[in-house]
Amino acid sequence: MLWDKGLKEYVEAAKIIKEKYDNVEFQLLGFTDVKNKAAISTGQMDKWVNDGYVKYLGISDNVQQEIAKADCIVLPSYYREGTPKSLLECASMAKAIVTTDAVGCRNVVDNGVNGFLCKVRDTEDLVIKLEMMLNLSEEQRIEMGKRVEKK
């Protein structure tokens, strides 16, 4: 996990949302402490978990299994990687997505149709888009996810 994938904004948004809603869980999946100066440390992850902002799922050889359990997928990335593989996997599994209006990410999401786009490095806008997702019914989120699949 890298800071450039929007982890700071994600955790800040999780804190704000969890103060307003008690039926929400924010999860993170991926490696910590990789040899990259932009990597999230295990100590930082432990702090977020202990503060109650996120649940850390660790790593997995079966990411699709974790995606299948989620109501929506959030990737507020500004990492210049092209189209993120994780978003393509989510789209192929018909999951609604919240991601940034950034190169690559916006290639997967049609704002308001199959997910929501937020401004890059903007926690406030991410919170707005997360609340929009939270305010959808389960059926509306599922329908949004199906539009991801058809895009």
N, C-alpha and C. Protein backbone atom coordinates (compact mmCIF):
# COMPACT_ATOMS: atom_id res chain seq x y z
N MET A 1 0.84 -1.18 0.00
CA MET A 1 0.00 0.00 0.00
C MET A 1 0.88 1.24 0.00
N LEU A 2 0.49 2.19 -0.84
CA LEU A 2 1.27 3.40 -1.02
C LEU A 2 0.45 4.63 -0.67
N TRP A 3 1.12 5.63 -0.12
CA TRP A 3 0.46 6.89 0.19
C TRP A 3 -0.18 7.47 -1.07
N ASP A 4 0.50 7.31 -2.23
CA ASP A 4 0.02 7.87 -3.49
C ASP A 4 -1.29 7.24 -3.98
N LYS A 5 -1.68 6.15 -3.37
CA LYS A 5 -2.96 5.52 -3.72
C LYS A 5 -4.11 6.18 -2.97
N GLY A 6 -3.80 7.27 -2.25
CA GLY A 6 -4.83 8.04 -1.55
C GLY A 6 -5.15 7.52 -0.16
N LEU A 7 -4.19 6.81 0.46
CA LEU A 7 -4.44 6.23 1.78
C LEU A 7 -4.70 7.28 2.85
N LYS A 8 -3.98 8.39 2.80
CA LYS A 8 -4.20 9.45 3.80
C LYS A 8 -5.63 9.97 3.69
N GLU A 9 -6.06 10.27 2.47
CA GLU A 9 -7.41 10.79 2.26
C GLU A 9 -8.47 9.75 2.62
N TYR A 10 -8.19 8.50 2.30
CA TYR A 10 -9.12 7.41 2.62
C TYR A 10 -9.34 7.29 4.13
N VAL A 11 -8.25 7.30 4.88
CA VAL A 11 -8.36 7.15 6.34
C VAL A 11 -8.99 8.40 6.96
N GLU A 12 -8.63 9.58 6.47
CA GLU A 12 -9.27 10.81 6.97
C GLU A 12 -10.77 10.78 6.70
N ALA A 13 -11.16 10.33 5.51
CA ALA A 13 -12.58 10.22 5.16
C ALA A 13 -13.26 9.17 6.03
N ALA A 14 -12.58 8.07 6.28
CA ALA A 14 -13.15 7.02 7.15
C ALA A 14 -13.45 7.57 8.53
N LYS A 15 -12.53 8.35 9.07
CA LYS A 15 -12.72 8.95 10.40
C LYS A 15 -13.97 9.83 10.40
N ILE A 16 -14.12 10.68 9.41
CA ILE A 16 -15.27 11.58 9.33
C ILE A 16 -16.57 10.81 9.17
N ILE A 17 -16.58 9.85 8.27
CA ILE A 17 -17.79 9.06 8.01
C ILE A 17 -18.18 8.24 9.23
N LYS A 18 -17.21 7.63 9.90
CA LYS A 18 -17.51 6.80 11.06
C LYS A 18 -18.06 7.61 12.23
N GLU A 19 -17.76 8.90 12.28
CA GLU A 19 -18.33 9.78 13.31
C GLU A 19 -19.81 10.05 13.05
N LYS A 20 -20.24 9.93 11.81
CA LYS A 20 -21.62 10.22 11.42
C LYS A 20 -22.48 8.96 11.28
N TYR A 21 -21.85 7.86 10.91
CA TYR A 21 -22.58 6.61 10.64
C TYR A 21 -21.95 5.49 11.46
N ASP A 22 -22.81 4.67 12.07
CA ASP A 22 -22.25 3.57 12.87
C ASP A 22 -22.32 2.23 12.15
N ASN A 23 -22.84 2.21 10.95
CA ASN A 23 -22.99 0.95 10.22
C ASN A 23 -22.02 0.83 9.05
N VAL A 24 -20.87 1.46 9.16
CA VAL A 24 -19.90 1.51 8.07
C VAL A 24 -18.57 0.92 8.54
N GLU A 25 -17.96 0.13 7.67
CA GLU A 25 -16.63 -0.40 7.95
C GLU A 25 -15.72 -0.09 6.77
N PHE A 26 -14.56 0.43 7.05
CA PHE A 26 -13.56 0.73 6.04
C PHE A 26 -12.45 -0.31 6.17
N GLN A 27 -12.13 -0.95 5.07
CA GLN A 27 -11.14 -2.02 5.08
C GLN A 27 -9.98 -1.67 4.16
N LEU A 28 -8.83 -2.22 4.49
CA LEU A 28 -7.64 -2.09 3.66
C LEU A 28 -7.03 -3.47 3.45
N LEU A 29 -6.58 -3.71 2.24
CA LEU A 29 -5.97 -4.98 1.87
C LEU A 29 -4.69 -4.70 1.12
N GLY A 30 -3.61 -5.32 1.54
CA GLY A 30 -2.35 -5.15 0.81
C GLY A 30 -1.14 -5.19 1.72
N PHE A 31 0.01 -5.17 1.07
CA PHE A 31 1.29 -5.25 1.77
C PHE A 31 1.63 -3.94 2.46
N THR A 32 2.21 -4.03 3.64
CA THR A 32 2.81 -2.88 4.32
C THR A 32 4.32 -3.12 4.38
N ASP A 33 5.05 -2.06 4.70
CA ASP A 33 6.51 -2.15 4.88
C ASP A 33 7.27 -2.66 3.65
N VAL A 34 6.77 -2.38 2.45
CA VAL A 34 7.54 -2.75 1.26
C VAL A 34 8.67 -1.74 1.09
N LYS A 35 9.67 -2.11 0.34
CA LYS A 35 10.84 -1.24 0.16
C LYS A 35 10.51 -0.13 -0.85
N ASN A 36 9.77 0.85 -0.37
CA ASN A 36 9.38 1.99 -1.19
C ASN A 36 9.12 3.13 -0.20
N LYS A 37 9.72 4.28 -0.46
CA LYS A 37 9.56 5.40 0.49
C LYS A 37 8.12 5.87 0.61
N ALA A 38 7.27 5.52 -0.35
CA ALA A 38 5.86 5.91 -0.31
C ALA A 38 4.98 4.82 0.31
N ALA A 39 5.60 3.76 0.82
CA ALA A 39 4.83 2.63 1.37
C ALA A 39 4.30 2.94 2.77
N ILE A 40 3.15 2.38 3.07
CA ILE A 40 2.56 2.47 4.40
C ILE A 40 3.30 1.49 5.31
N SER A 41 3.70 1.96 6.47
CA SER A 41 4.40 1.08 7.41
C SER A 41 3.39 0.27 8.22
N THR A 42 3.85 -0.83 8.75
CA THR A 42 3.01 -1.65 9.63
C THR A 42 2.62 -0.85 10.87
N GLY A 43 3.54 -0.04 11.38
CA GLY A 43 3.24 0.80 12.54
C GLY A 43 2.12 1.79 12.26
N GLN A 44 2.13 2.40 11.07
CA GLN A 44 1.07 3.34 10.70
C GLN A 44 -0.26 2.59 10.59
N MET A 45 -0.23 1.42 9.97
CA MET A 45 -1.46 0.63 9.83
C MET A 45 -2.00 0.26 11.21
N ASP A 46 -1.12 -0.17 12.10
CA ASP A 46 -1.54 -0.53 13.46
C ASP A 46 -2.21 0.66 14.16
N LYS A 47 -1.66 1.85 13.95
CA LYS A 47 -2.26 3.04 14.56
C LYS A 47 -3.67 3.27 14.04
N TRP A 48 -3.85 3.20 12.72
CA TRP A 48 -5.18 3.39 12.14
C TRP A 48 -6.17 2.35 12.65
N VAL A 49 -5.71 1.12 12.75
CA VAL A 49 -6.58 0.04 13.24
C VAL A 49 -6.93 0.28 14.71
N ASN A 50 -5.93 0.58 15.53
CA ASN A 50 -6.16 0.82 16.96
C ASN A 50 -7.05 2.04 17.21
N ASP A 51 -6.96 3.04 16.34
CA ASP A 51 -7.82 4.22 16.46
C ASP A 51 -9.25 3.92 16.01
N GLY A 52 -9.45 2.77 15.39
CA GLY A 52 -10.79 2.35 14.97
C GLY A 52 -11.25 2.89 13.63
N TYR A 53 -10.31 3.42 12.84
CA TYR A 53 -10.69 4.00 11.55
C TYR A 53 -10.88 2.94 10.47
N VAL A 54 -10.01 1.94 10.48
CA VAL A 54 -10.04 0.92 9.44
C VAL A 54 -9.85 -0.47 10.03
N LYS A 55 -10.23 -1.43 9.25
CA LYS A 55 -9.93 -2.84 9.54
C LYS A 55 -8.90 -3.27 8.50
N TYR A 56 -7.79 -3.82 8.96
CA TYR A 56 -6.74 -4.28 8.06
C TYR A 56 -6.94 -5.75 7.77
N LEU A 57 -7.09 -6.09 6.50
CA LEU A 57 -7.35 -7.47 6.09
C LEU A 57 -6.07 -8.24 5.81
N GLY A 58 -4.93 -7.56 5.85
CA GLY A 58 -3.66 -8.23 5.56
C GLY A 58 -3.46 -8.33 4.07
N ILE A 59 -2.87 -9.44 3.64
CA ILE A 59 -2.65 -9.69 2.22
C ILE A 59 -3.46 -10.92 1.83
N SER A 60 -3.66 -11.10 0.56
CA SER A 60 -4.47 -12.22 0.10
C SER A 60 -4.01 -12.69 -1.27
N ASP A 61 -4.03 -13.99 -1.48
CA ASP A 61 -3.79 -14.56 -2.80
C ASP A 61 -5.09 -14.62 -3.59
N ASN A 62 -6.21 -14.29 -2.92
CA ASN A 62 -7.52 -14.34 -3.55
C ASN A 62 -8.23 -13.00 -3.34
N VAL A 63 -7.75 -11.98 -4.04
CA VAL A 63 -8.31 -10.64 -3.89
C VAL A 63 -9.79 -10.62 -4.31
N GLN A 64 -10.14 -11.42 -5.30
CA GLN A 64 -11.52 -11.46 -5.76
C GLN A 64 -12.48 -11.85 -4.64
N GLN A 65 -12.05 -12.71 -3.77
CA GLN A 65 -12.87 -13.12 -2.62
C GLN A 65 -13.16 -11.92 -1.72
N GLU A 66 -12.18 -11.07 -1.50
CA GLU A 66 -12.36 -9.89 -0.67
C GLU A 66 -13.24 -8.86 -1.38
N ILE A 67 -13.03 -8.68 -2.68
CA ILE A 67 -13.85 -7.74 -3.45
C ILE A 67 -15.32 -8.18 -3.39
N ALA A 68 -15.55 -9.47 -3.52
CA ALA A 68 -16.93 -9.99 -3.53
C ALA A 68 -17.68 -9.66 -2.25
N LYS A 69 -16.99 -9.53 -1.13
CA LYS A 69 -17.62 -9.24 0.16
C LYS A 69 -17.98 -7.77 0.33
N ALA A 70 -17.39 -6.90 -0.47
CA ALA A 70 -17.54 -5.45 -0.28
C ALA A 70 -18.82 -4.92 -0.92
N ASP A 71 -19.39 -3.87 -0.31
CA ASP A 71 -20.54 -3.18 -0.90
C ASP A 71 -20.09 -2.25 -2.02
N CYS A 72 -18.94 -1.65 -1.86
CA CYS A 72 -18.34 -0.83 -2.92
C CYS A 72 -16.84 -0.79 -2.69
N ILE A 73 -16.13 -0.37 -3.71
CA ILE A 73 -14.68 -0.30 -3.64
C ILE A 73 -14.25 1.16 -3.75
N VAL A 74 -13.28 1.55 -2.93
CA VAL A 74 -12.82 2.93 -2.89
C VAL A 74 -11.31 2.96 -3.17
N LEU A 75 -10.93 3.75 -4.17
CA LEU A 75 -9.52 3.93 -4.48
C LEU A 75 -9.28 5.40 -4.85
N PRO A 76 -8.97 6.24 -3.85
CA PRO A 76 -8.76 7.67 -4.12
C PRO A 76 -7.33 7.96 -4.59
N SER A 77 -6.89 7.25 -5.58
CA SER A 77 -5.50 7.25 -6.02
C SER A 77 -5.13 8.49 -6.85
N TYR A 78 -3.88 8.90 -6.69
CA TYR A 78 -3.28 9.89 -7.58
C TYR A 78 -1.93 9.37 -8.06
N TYR A 79 -1.74 8.07 -7.92
CA TYR A 79 -0.54 7.36 -8.37
C TYR A 79 -0.61 7.25 -9.89
N ARG A 80 0.39 7.69 -10.57
CA ARG A 80 0.38 7.72 -12.03
C ARG A 80 0.73 6.35 -12.60
N GLU A 81 -0.25 5.46 -12.67
CA GLU A 81 0.01 4.10 -13.09
C GLU A 81 -0.78 3.68 -14.32
N GLY A 82 -1.53 4.57 -14.94
CA GLY A 82 -2.45 4.14 -15.98
C GLY A 82 -3.72 3.68 -15.29
N THR A 83 -4.40 2.73 -15.87
CA THR A 83 -5.63 2.22 -15.28
C THR A 83 -5.30 1.18 -14.21
N PRO A 84 -5.70 1.43 -12.96
CA PRO A 84 -5.37 0.49 -11.89
C PRO A 84 -6.02 -0.87 -12.08
N LYS A 85 -5.23 -1.91 -11.95
CA LYS A 85 -5.72 -3.28 -12.07
C LYS A 85 -6.85 -3.54 -11.07
N SER A 86 -6.73 -2.98 -9.88
CA SER A 86 -7.75 -3.21 -8.85
C SER A 86 -9.12 -2.70 -9.31
N LEU A 87 -9.15 -1.56 -10.00
CA LEU A 87 -10.43 -1.03 -10.49
C LEU A 87 -10.98 -1.90 -11.61
N LEU A 88 -10.11 -2.41 -12.46
CA LEU A 88 -10.57 -3.31 -13.52
C LEU A 88 -11.16 -4.59 -12.93
N GLU A 89 -10.52 -5.10 -11.88
CA GLU A 89 -11.05 -6.29 -11.21
C GLU A 89 -12.42 -6.01 -10.61
N CYS A 90 -12.57 -4.85 -9.97
CA CYS A 90 -13.85 -4.48 -9.36
C CYS A 90 -14.92 -4.33 -10.43
N ALA A 91 -14.58 -3.68 -11.53
CA ALA A 91 -15.53 -3.50 -12.62
C ALA A 91 -15.95 -4.85 -13.18
N SER A 92 -15.01 -5.76 -13.32
CA SER A 92 -15.34 -7.08 -13.88
C SER A 92 -16.23 -7.88 -12.94
N MET A 93 -16.22 -7.51 -11.65
CA MET A 93 -17.06 -8.19 -10.65
C MET A 93 -18.34 -7.41 -10.35
N ALA A 94 -18.61 -6.38 -11.15
CA ALA A 94 -19.84 -5.58 -11.03
C ALA A 94 -19.98 -4.92 -9.67
N LYS A 95 -18.90 -4.29 -9.21
CA LYS A 95 -18.92 -3.55 -7.95
C LYS A 95 -18.96 -2.05 -8.22
N ALA A 96 -19.77 -1.33 -7.48
CA ALA A 96 -19.78 0.12 -7.56
C ALA A 96 -18.44 0.63 -7.01
N ILE A 97 -17.98 1.74 -7.56
CA ILE A 97 -16.64 2.24 -7.25
C ILE A 97 -16.67 3.73 -6.92
N VAL A 98 -15.85 4.13 -5.94
CA VAL A 98 -15.54 5.53 -5.70
C VAL A 98 -14.04 5.66 -5.94
N THR A 99 -13.68 6.52 -6.87
CA THR A 99 -12.28 6.73 -7.19
C THR A 99 -12.07 8.18 -7.61
N THR A 100 -10.84 8.52 -7.93
CA THR A 100 -10.52 9.90 -8.26
C THR A 100 -10.71 10.19 -9.74
N ASP A 101 -10.95 11.46 -10.01
CA ASP A 101 -11.04 11.94 -11.38
C ASP A 101 -9.61 12.19 -11.85
N ALA A 102 -8.88 11.09 -11.99
CA ALA A 102 -7.46 11.14 -12.35
C ALA A 102 -7.22 10.22 -13.54
N VAL A 103 -6.12 10.46 -14.22
CA VAL A 103 -5.74 9.62 -15.35
C VAL A 103 -5.78 8.16 -14.93
N GLY A 104 -6.39 7.33 -15.73
CA GLY A 104 -6.49 5.91 -15.43
C GLY A 104 -7.73 5.57 -14.64
N CYS A 105 -7.91 6.20 -13.50
CA CYS A 105 -9.07 5.91 -12.65
C CYS A 105 -10.37 6.29 -13.35
N ARG A 106 -10.37 7.45 -13.99
CA ARG A 106 -11.60 7.91 -14.65
C ARG A 106 -11.94 7.08 -15.88
N ASN A 107 -11.00 6.25 -16.33
CA ASN A 107 -11.28 5.35 -17.46
C ASN A 107 -12.25 4.24 -17.09
N VAL A 108 -12.39 3.98 -15.82
CA VAL A 108 -13.22 2.87 -15.35
C VAL A 108 -14.58 3.34 -14.87
N VAL A 109 -14.66 4.57 -14.38
CA VAL A 109 -15.90 5.06 -13.77
C VAL A 109 -16.50 6.19 -14.58
N ASP A 110 -17.78 6.03 -14.88
CA ASP A 110 -18.58 7.09 -15.48
C ASP A 110 -19.35 7.71 -14.32
N ASN A 111 -18.96 8.92 -13.92
CA ASN A 111 -19.46 9.54 -12.70
C ASN A 111 -20.99 9.54 -12.62
N GLY A 112 -21.50 8.97 -11.53
CA GLY A 112 -22.93 8.92 -11.29
C GLY A 112 -23.63 7.76 -11.97
N VAL A 113 -22.93 7.05 -12.83
CA VAL A 113 -23.53 5.93 -13.55
C VAL A 113 -23.10 4.60 -12.91
N ASN A 114 -21.81 4.37 -12.86
CA ASN A 114 -21.31 3.12 -12.28
C ASN A 114 -20.41 3.36 -11.07
N GLY A 115 -20.44 4.57 -10.58
CA GLY A 115 -19.67 4.93 -9.40
C GLY A 115 -19.59 6.44 -9.30
N PHE A 116 -18.69 6.91 -8.45
CA PHE A 116 -18.52 8.34 -8.26
C PHE A 116 -17.05 8.70 -8.34
N LEU A 117 -16.77 9.83 -8.98
CA LEU A 117 -15.42 10.36 -9.07
C LEU A 117 -15.27 11.51 -8.09
N CYS A 118 -14.17 11.50 -7.35
CA CYS A 118 -13.88 12.59 -6.43
C CYS A 118 -12.65 13.33 -6.91
N LYS A 119 -12.47 14.52 -6.40
CA LYS A 119 -11.30 15.33 -6.74
C LYS A 119 -10.05 14.70 -6.13
N VAL A 120 -8.95 14.85 -6.82
CA VAL A 120 -7.67 14.30 -6.37
C VAL A 120 -7.20 15.01 -5.10
N ARG A 121 -6.74 14.23 -4.12
CA ARG A 121 -6.20 14.73 -2.85
C ARG A 121 -7.18 15.64 -2.11
N ASP A 122 -8.46 15.32 -2.18
CA ASP A 122 -9.50 16.17 -1.59
C ASP A 122 -10.38 15.32 -0.68
N THR A 123 -10.04 15.30 0.60
CA THR A 123 -10.78 14.49 1.56
C THR A 123 -12.24 14.90 1.64
N GLU A 124 -12.50 16.20 1.61
CA GLU A 124 -13.88 16.68 1.69
C GLU A 124 -14.72 16.13 0.54
N ASP A 125 -14.19 16.18 -0.67
CA ASP A 125 -14.94 15.67 -1.82
C ASP A 125 -15.09 14.15 -1.74
N LEU A 126 -14.07 13.48 -1.25
CA LEU A 126 -14.17 12.03 -1.06
C LEU A 126 -15.29 11.71 -0.07
N VAL A 127 -15.38 12.46 1.01
CA VAL A 127 -16.46 12.26 1.99
C VAL A 127 -17.82 12.45 1.33
N ILE A 128 -17.95 13.47 0.51
CA ILE A 128 -19.21 13.72 -0.18
C ILE A 128 -19.58 12.53 -1.05
N LYS A 129 -18.63 12.03 -1.81
CA LYS A 129 -18.91 10.89 -2.71
C LYS A 129 -19.20 9.62 -1.91
N LEU A 130 -18.52 9.42 -0.79
CA LEU A 130 -18.80 8.26 0.05
C LEU A 130 -20.20 8.35 0.64
N GLU A 131 -20.59 9.55 1.05
CA GLU A 131 -21.95 9.71 1.58
C GLU A 131 -23.00 9.49 0.49
N MET A 132 -22.69 9.90 -0.73
CA MET A 132 -23.61 9.63 -1.83
C MET A 132 -23.79 8.12 -2.00
N MET A 133 -22.70 7.38 -1.90
CA MET A 133 -22.76 5.92 -2.01
C MET A 133 -23.53 5.34 -0.84
N LEU A 134 -23.26 5.83 0.37
CA LEU A 134 -23.94 5.33 1.56
C LEU A 134 -25.44 5.59 1.51
N ASN A 135 -25.84 6.67 0.87
CA ASN A 135 -27.25 7.02 0.81
C ASN A 135 -28.02 6.26 -0.27
N LEU A 136 -27.33 5.47 -1.07
CA LEU A 136 -28.01 4.59 -2.02
C LEU A 136 -28.54 3.38 -1.27
N SER A 137 -29.62 2.85 -1.73
CA SER A 137 -30.10 1.58 -1.17
C SER A 137 -29.20 0.46 -1.67
N GLU A 138 -29.29 -0.68 -1.03
CA GLU A 138 -28.49 -1.84 -1.47
C GLU A 138 -28.81 -2.16 -2.92
N GLU A 139 -30.07 -2.09 -3.28
CA GLU A 139 -30.47 -2.38 -4.66
C GLU A 139 -29.86 -1.39 -5.64
N GLN A 140 -29.83 -0.11 -5.26
CA GLN A 140 -29.24 0.90 -6.13
C GLN A 140 -27.74 0.70 -6.30
N ARG A 141 -27.05 0.31 -5.22
CA ARG A 141 -25.61 0.02 -5.33
C ARG A 141 -25.37 -1.18 -6.23
N ILE A 142 -26.22 -2.20 -6.10
CA ILE A 142 -26.07 -3.39 -6.94
C ILE A 142 -26.30 -3.01 -8.41
N GLU A 143 -27.32 -2.22 -8.67
CA GLU A 143 -27.60 -1.78 -10.04
C GLU A 143 -26.43 -0.95 -10.57
N MET A 144 -25.88 -0.08 -9.74
CA MET A 144 -24.73 0.71 -10.14
C MET A 144 -23.58 -0.22 -10.51
N GLY A 145 -23.36 -1.25 -9.72
CA GLY A 145 -22.31 -2.21 -10.01
C GLY A 145 -22.53 -2.93 -11.32
N LYS A 146 -23.78 -3.23 -11.63
CA LYS A 146 -24.07 -3.90 -12.91
C LYS A 146 -23.75 -2.99 -14.07
N ARG A 147 -23.91 -1.71 -13.89
CA ARG A 147 -23.54 -0.76 -14.94
C ARG A 147 -22.03 -0.71 -15.11
N VAL A 148 -21.29 -0.99 -14.04
CA VAL A 148 -19.83 -1.10 -14.13
C VAL A 148 -19.52 -2.25 -15.08
N GLU A 149 -20.19 -3.36 -14.89
CA GLU A 149 -19.93 -4.55 -15.68
C GLU A 149 -20.20 -4.32 -17.16
N LYS A 150 -21.19 -3.50 -17.46
CA LYS A 150 -21.59 -3.29 -18.85
C LYS A 150 -20.79 -2.18 -19.53
N LYS A 151 -20.03 -1.43 -18.76
CA LYS A 151 -19.32 -0.27 -19.34
C LYS A 151 -18.28 -0.71 -20.34
